[in-house]
C-alpha atoms as a PDB file:
ATOM      1  CA  MET A   1       0.000   0.000   0.000  1.00  0.00           C
ATOM      2  CA  ASN A   2       1.257   3.490  -0.814  1.00  0.00           C
ATOM      3  CA  LEU A   3       0.156   7.045  -0.070  1.00  0.00           C
ATOM      4  CA  LYS A   4      -2.059   7.163  -3.181  1.00  0.00           C
ATOM      5  CA  GLU A   5      -4.007   4.113  -1.974  1.00  0.00           C
ATOM      6  CA  LEU A   6      -4.224   5.593   1.526  1.00  0.00           C
ATOM      7  CA  VAL A   7      -5.673   8.791   0.040  1.00  0.00           C
ATOM      8  CA  SER A   8      -8.287   6.679  -1.724  1.00  0.00           C
ATOM      9  CA  VAL A   9      -9.269   5.057   1.584  1.00  0.00           C
ATOM     10  CA  ALA A  10      -9.443   8.483   3.233  1.00  0.00           C
ATOM     11  CA  GLU A  11     -11.654   9.894   0.476  1.00  0.00           C
ATOM     12  CA  ASP A  12     -14.085   6.985   0.784  1.00  0.00           C
ATOM     13  CA  GLY A  13     -14.035   6.847   4.588  1.00  0.00           C
ATOM     14  CA  PRO A  14     -17.094   7.068   6.810  1.00  0.00           C
ATOM     15  CA  TRP A  15     -16.615  10.639   8.008  1.00  0.00           C
ATOM     16  CA  CYS A  16     -19.401  12.554   9.664  1.00  0.00           C
ATOM     17  CA  GLY A  17     -19.748  16.254   8.969  1.00  0.00           C
ATOM     18  CA  THR A  18     -17.782  16.279   5.726  1.00  0.00           C
ATOM     19  CA  LYS A  19     -20.717  16.499   3.328  1.00  0.00           C
ATOM     20  CA  PRO A  20     -21.382  19.789   1.510  1.00  0.00           C
ATOM     21  CA  PRO A  21     -24.051  21.985   3.133  1.00  0.00           C
ATOM     22  CA  GLY A  22     -27.561  21.352   1.869  1.00  0.00           C
ATOM     23  CA  ARG A  23     -27.014  17.661   1.181  1.00  0.00           C
ATOM     24  CA  ARG A  24     -28.563  15.021   3.348  1.00  0.00           C
ATOM     25  CA  PRO A  25     -26.011  12.904   5.207  1.00  0.00           C
ATOM     26  CA  VAL A  26     -25.498   9.422   3.875  1.00  0.00           C
ATOM     27  CA  PRO A  27     -26.201   6.717   6.456  1.00  0.00           C
ATOM     28  CA  GLN A  28     -22.902   5.505   7.837  1.00  0.00           C
ATOM     29  CA  PRO A  29     -22.058   1.806   7.855  1.00  0.00           C
ATOM     30  CA  HIS A  30     -21.876  -0.039  11.124  1.00  0.00           C
ATOM     31  CA  PRO A  31     -18.311   0.008  12.548  1.00  0.00           C
ATOM     32  CA  THR A  32     -18.034  -3.736  12.006  1.00  0.00           C
ATOM     33  CA  ALA A  33     -18.210  -3.095   8.253  1.00  0.00           C
ATOM     34  CA  PHE A  34     -14.539  -2.135   8.516  1.00  0.00           C
ATOM     35  CA  ALA A  35     -13.544  -5.150  10.597  1.00  0.00           C
ATOM     36  CA  LEU A  36     -10.705  -6.262   8.381  1.00  0.00           C
ATOM     37  CA  LYS A  37      -8.439  -9.132   9.280  1.00  0.00           C
ATOM     38  CA  VAL A  38      -5.581  -6.698   9.991  1.00  0.00           C
ATOM     39  CA  PHE A  39      -7.679  -5.179  12.799  1.00  0.00           C
ATOM     40  CA  GLU A  40      -8.142  -8.406  14.761  1.00  0.00           C
ATOM     41  CA  GLN A  41      -5.613  -7.073  17.210  1.00  0.00           C
ATOM     42  CA  ARG A  42      -6.368  -3.418  17.950  1.00  0.00           C
ATOM     43  CA  PRO A  43      -3.343  -1.130  17.933  1.00  0.00           C
ATOM     44  CA  GLN A  44      -2.341   0.091  21.354  1.00  0.00           C
ATOM     45  CA  PRO A  45      -2.882   3.855  21.915  1.00  0.00           C
ATOM     46  CA  GLU A  46       0.814   4.354  22.637  1.00  0.00           C
ATOM     47  CA  MET A  47       1.674   2.996  19.155  1.00  0.00           C
ATOM     48  CA  VAL A  48       0.435   6.145  17.456  1.00  0.00           C
ATOM     49  CA  SER A  49       0.938   9.661  18.762  1.00  0.00           C
ATOM     50  CA  PRO A  50      -1.352  12.601  17.939  1.00  0.00           C
ATOM     51  CA  GLU A  51       1.539  14.054  15.947  1.00  0.00           C
ATOM     52  CA  LEU A  52       1.687  10.914  13.810  1.00  0.00           C
ATOM     53  CA  VAL A  53      -2.057  11.010  13.120  1.00  0.00           C
ATOM     54  CA  ALA A  54      -1.758  14.694  12.194  1.00  0.00           C
ATOM     55  CA  SER A  55       1.210  13.948   9.891  1.00  0.00           C
ATOM     56  CA  MET A  56      -0.770  11.199   8.188  1.00  0.00           C
ATOM     57  CA  TRP A  57      -3.716  13.524   7.496  1.00  0.00           C
ATOM     58  CA  GLN A  58      -1.387  16.346   6.396  1.00  0.00           C
ATOM     59  CA  SER A  59       0.252  13.976   3.907  1.00  0.00           C
ATOM     60  CA  ILE A  60      -3.163  13.007   2.559  1.00  0.00           C
ATOM     61  CA  GLN A  61      -4.305  16.619   2.177  1.00  0.00           C
ATOM     62  CA  LEU A  62      -1.029  17.644   0.553  1.00  0.00           C
ATOM     63  CA  PHE A  63      -1.242  14.729  -1.886  1.00  0.00           C
ATOM     64  CA  GLN A  64      -4.831  15.703  -2.770  1.00  0.00           C
ATOM     65  CA  ALA A  65      -3.675  19.271  -3.453  1.00  0.00           C
ATOM     66  CA  GLY A  66      -0.997  17.903  -5.799  1.00  0.00           C
ATOM     67  CA  GLN A  67      -3.604  15.806  -7.597  1.00  0.00           C
ATOM     68  CA  ARG A  68      -5.763  18.901  -8.110  1.00  0.00           C
ATOM     69  CA  LEU A  69      -2.843  20.656  -9.789  1.00  0.00           C
ATOM     70  CA  GLU A  70      -1.963  17.622 -11.897  1.00  0.00           C
ATOM     71  CA  GLY A  71      -5.492  17.770 -13.304  1.00  0.00           C
ATOM     72  CA  LEU A  72      -4.809  21.199 -14.827  1.00  0.00           C
ATOM     73  CA  GLU A  73      -2.992  21.894 -18.089  1.00  0.00           C
ATOM     74  CA  GLY A  74       0.486  23.142 -18.894  1.00  0.00           C
ATOM     75  CA  ASP A  75       3.303  23.869 -16.438  1.00  0.00           C
ATOM     76  CA  ILE A  76       0.876  23.491 -13.566  1.00  0.00           C
ATOM     77  CA  ARG A  77       1.023  19.697 -13.885  1.00  0.00           C
ATOM     78  CA  GLU A  78       4.717  19.762 -13.040  1.00  0.00           C
ATOM     79  CA  LEU A  79       3.975  21.808  -9.922  1.00  0.00           C
ATOM     80  CA  GLY A  80       1.304  19.249  -9.001  1.00  0.00           C
ATOM     81  CA  SER A  81       3.817  16.440  -9.368  1.00  0.00           C
ATOM     82  CA  THR A  82       6.226  18.348  -7.115  1.00  0.00           C
ATOM     83  CA  VAL A  83       3.526  18.746  -4.460  1.00  0.00           C
ATOM     84  CA  ALA A  84       2.511  15.062  -4.680  1.00  0.00           C
ATOM     85  CA  ARG A  85       6.172  13.966  -4.405  1.00  0.00           C
ATOM     86  CA  ALA A  86       6.639  16.223  -1.377  1.00  0.00           C
ATOM     87  CA  ALA A  87       3.573  14.627   0.218  1.00  0.00           C
ATOM     88  CA  SER A  88       5.000  11.152  -0.362  1.00  0.00           C
ATOM     89  CA  VAL A  89       8.393  12.129   1.072  1.00  0.00           C
ATOM     90  CA  PHE A  90       6.716  13.788   4.075  1.00  0.00           C
ATOM     91  CA  PHE A  91       4.560  10.696   4.625  1.00  0.00           C
ATOM     92  CA  ASP A  92       7.565   8.364   4.412  1.00  0.00           C
ATOM     93  CA  ASP A  93       9.572  10.539   6.823  1.00  0.00           C
ATOM     94  CA  GLN A  94       6.785  10.846   9.386  1.00  0.00           C
ATOM     95  CA  CYS A  95       4.842   7.582   9.056  1.00  0.00           C
ATOM     96  CA  GLY A  96       7.189   5.233   7.226  1.00  0.00           C
ATOM     97  CA  SER A  97       8.025   3.076  10.240  1.00  0.00           C
ATOM     98  CA  VAL A  98       4.398   2.531  11.307  1.00  0.00           C
ATOM     99  CA  PRO A  99       2.737  -0.726  10.190  1.00  0.00           C
ATOM    100  CA  TRP A 100      -0.029  -0.284   7.586  1.00  0.00           C
ATOM    101  CA  SER A 101      -2.550  -2.018   9.808  1.00  0.00           C
ATOM    102  CA  VAL A 102      -2.014   0.681  12.450  1.00  0.00           C
ATOM    103  CA  ILE A 103      -2.219   3.498   9.902  1.00  0.00           C
ATOM    104  CA  LEU A 104      -5.434   2.116   8.412  1.00  0.00           C
ATOM    105  CA  TYR A 105      -6.951   1.622  11.852  1.00  0.00           C
ATOM    106  CA  TRP A 106      -6.250   5.222  12.848  1.00  0.00           C
ATOM    107  CA  LEU A 107      -7.395   6.529   9.476  1.00  0.00           C
ATOM    108  CA  LEU A 108     -10.746   4.772   9.747  1.00  0.00           C
ATOM    109  CA  HIS A 109     -11.341   5.636  13.398  1.00  0.00           C
ATOM    110  CA  ASN A 110     -10.117   9.233  13.716  1.00  0.00           C
ATOM    111  CA  PRO A 111     -11.417  12.265  11.824  1.00  0.00           C
ATOM    112  CA  PRO A 112      -8.845  14.619  10.341  1.00  0.00           C
ATOM    113  CA  PRO A 113      -7.504  17.351  12.614  1.00  0.00           C
ATOM    114  CA  PRO A 114      -7.590  20.973  11.448  1.00  0.00           C
ATOM    115  CA  PRO A 115      -4.778  21.742   9.006  1.00  0.00           C
ATOM    116  CA  PRO A 116      -1.647  23.485  10.304  1.00  0.00           C
ATOM    117  CA  PRO A 117      -0.868  26.970   8.956  1.00  0.00           C
ATOM    118  CA  TRP A 118       1.710  25.746   6.400  1.00  0.00           C
ATOM    119  CA  LEU A 119      -0.758  23.274   4.899  1.00  0.00           C
ATOM    120  CA  GLN A 120      -3.502  25.905   4.751  1.00  0.00           C
ATOM    121  CA  LEU A 121      -1.104  28.184   2.820  1.00  0.00           C
ATOM    122  CA  VAL A 122      -0.308  25.406   0.351  1.00  0.00           C
ATOM    123  CA  THR A 123      -3.952  24.443  -0.238  1.00  0.00           C
ATOM    124  CA  ASP A 124      -4.978  28.097  -0.602  1.00  0.00           C
ATOM    125  CA  SER A 125      -2.160  28.573  -3.110  1.00  0.00           C
ATOM    126  CA  VAL A 126      -3.307  25.495  -5.039  1.00  0.00           C
ATOM    127  CA  SER A 127      -6.714  27.158  -5.367  1.00  0.00           C
ATOM    128  CA  MET A 128      -4.998  30.353  -6.500  1.00  0.00           C
ATOM    129  CA  VAL A 129      -3.117  28.429  -9.211  1.00  0.00           C
ATOM    130  CA  SER A 130      -6.428  27.007 -10.439  1.00  0.00           C
ATOM    131  CA  ILE A 131      -7.883  30.508 -10.651  1.00  0.00           C
ATOM    132  CA  ALA A 132      -4.738  31.829 -12.365  1.00  0.00           C
ATOM    133  CA  ALA A 133      -5.069  29.120 -15.010  1.00  0.00           C
ATOM    134  CA  LYS A 134      -8.610  30.297 -15.770  1.00  0.00           C
ATOM    135  CA  ILE A 135      -7.649  33.985 -15.867  1.00  0.00           C
ATOM    136  CA  GLY A 136      -4.645  33.561 -18.143  1.00  0.00           C
ATOM    137  CA  GLY A 137      -2.681  36.449 -19.587  1.00  0.00           C
ATOM    138  CA  ALA A 138      -0.262  38.622 -17.641  1.00  0.00           C
ATOM    139  CA  LEU A 139      -2.385  38.735 -14.493  1.00  0.00           C
ATOM    140  CA  GLY A 140      -2.845  34.965 -14.473  1.00  0.00           C
ATOM    141  CA  SER A 141       0.882  34.486 -14.995  1.00  0.00           C
ATOM    142  CA  GLN A 142       1.695  36.767 -12.056  1.00  0.00           C
ATOM    143  CA  MET A 143      -0.816  34.976  -9.835  1.00  0.00           C
ATOM    144  CA  PHE A 144       0.630  31.627 -10.880  1.00  0.00           C
ATOM    145  CA  ASP A 145       4.215  32.731 -10.157  1.00  0.00           C
ATOM    146  CA  GLY A 146       3.273  34.073  -6.713  1.00  0.00           C
ATOM    147  CA  ALA A 147       1.232  31.018  -5.762  1.00  0.00           C
ATOM    148  CA  GLN A 148       3.948  28.684  -7.030  1.00  0.00           C
ATOM    149  CA  ALA A 149       6.525  30.475  -4.862  1.00  0.00           C
ATOM    150  CA  VAL A 150       4.294  30.173  -1.782  1.00  0.00           C
ATOM    151  CA  ILE A 151       3.727  26.458  -2.457  1.00  0.00           C
ATOM    152  CA  LYS A 152       7.418  25.698  -2.866  1.00  0.00           C
ATOM    153  CA  GLU A 153       8.390  27.745   0.213  1.00  0.00           C
ATOM    154  CA  ASN A 154       5.894  25.943   2.432  1.00  0.00           C
ATOM    155  CA  LEU A 155       6.256  22.335   1.273  1.00  0.00           C
ATOM    156  CA  PRO A 156       7.662  20.132   4.021  1.00  0.00           C
ATOM    157  CA  GLY A 157      11.237  19.224   3.149  1.00  0.00           C
ATOM    158  CA  ALA A 158      11.236  21.670   0.224  1.00  0.00           C
ATOM    159  CA  SER A 159      14.728  20.622  -0.806  1.00  0.00           C
ATOM    160  CA  ALA A 160      13.545  16.974  -1.079  1.00  0.00           C
ATOM    161  CA  ALA A 161      10.572  18.030  -3.179  1.00  0.00           C
ATOM    162  CA  GLU A 162      12.715  19.735  -5.777  1.00  0.00           C
ATOM    163  CA  GLY A 163      13.904  17.583  -8.627  1.00  0.00           C
END
């Protein structure tokens, strides 16, 4: 399993309160619906710190931001790849020594924490790049350059993300 597959699990997870306003909530499956064989032995609370859970969710959100940029045209795709690679490196650095069964257990049983300031800057800048692509011209180019600089400055391990 890799970060991309973990993002897929997170996007399909049974989260309460994450539906857009105005839409009726979808009935959530019973917790035993996720009783996978890897969860026969519950992870001990001391196995995963709050910092680790936060790092896992930050990696997921950063990877999703990279995917949004990869879906756009032109030079923006390369920036998206840079963001997605940075997310993978960050995930490996922070969560790489934790067994997948523990990561999946915590993913399915803990909602995401609020994003830290650096992640909020990156995701806001990803939105700005999307807008800049629609605007085009000199103004769009300036917006893109500024947003790209903010993204690269705030990526975790920015030197590892380059290249």
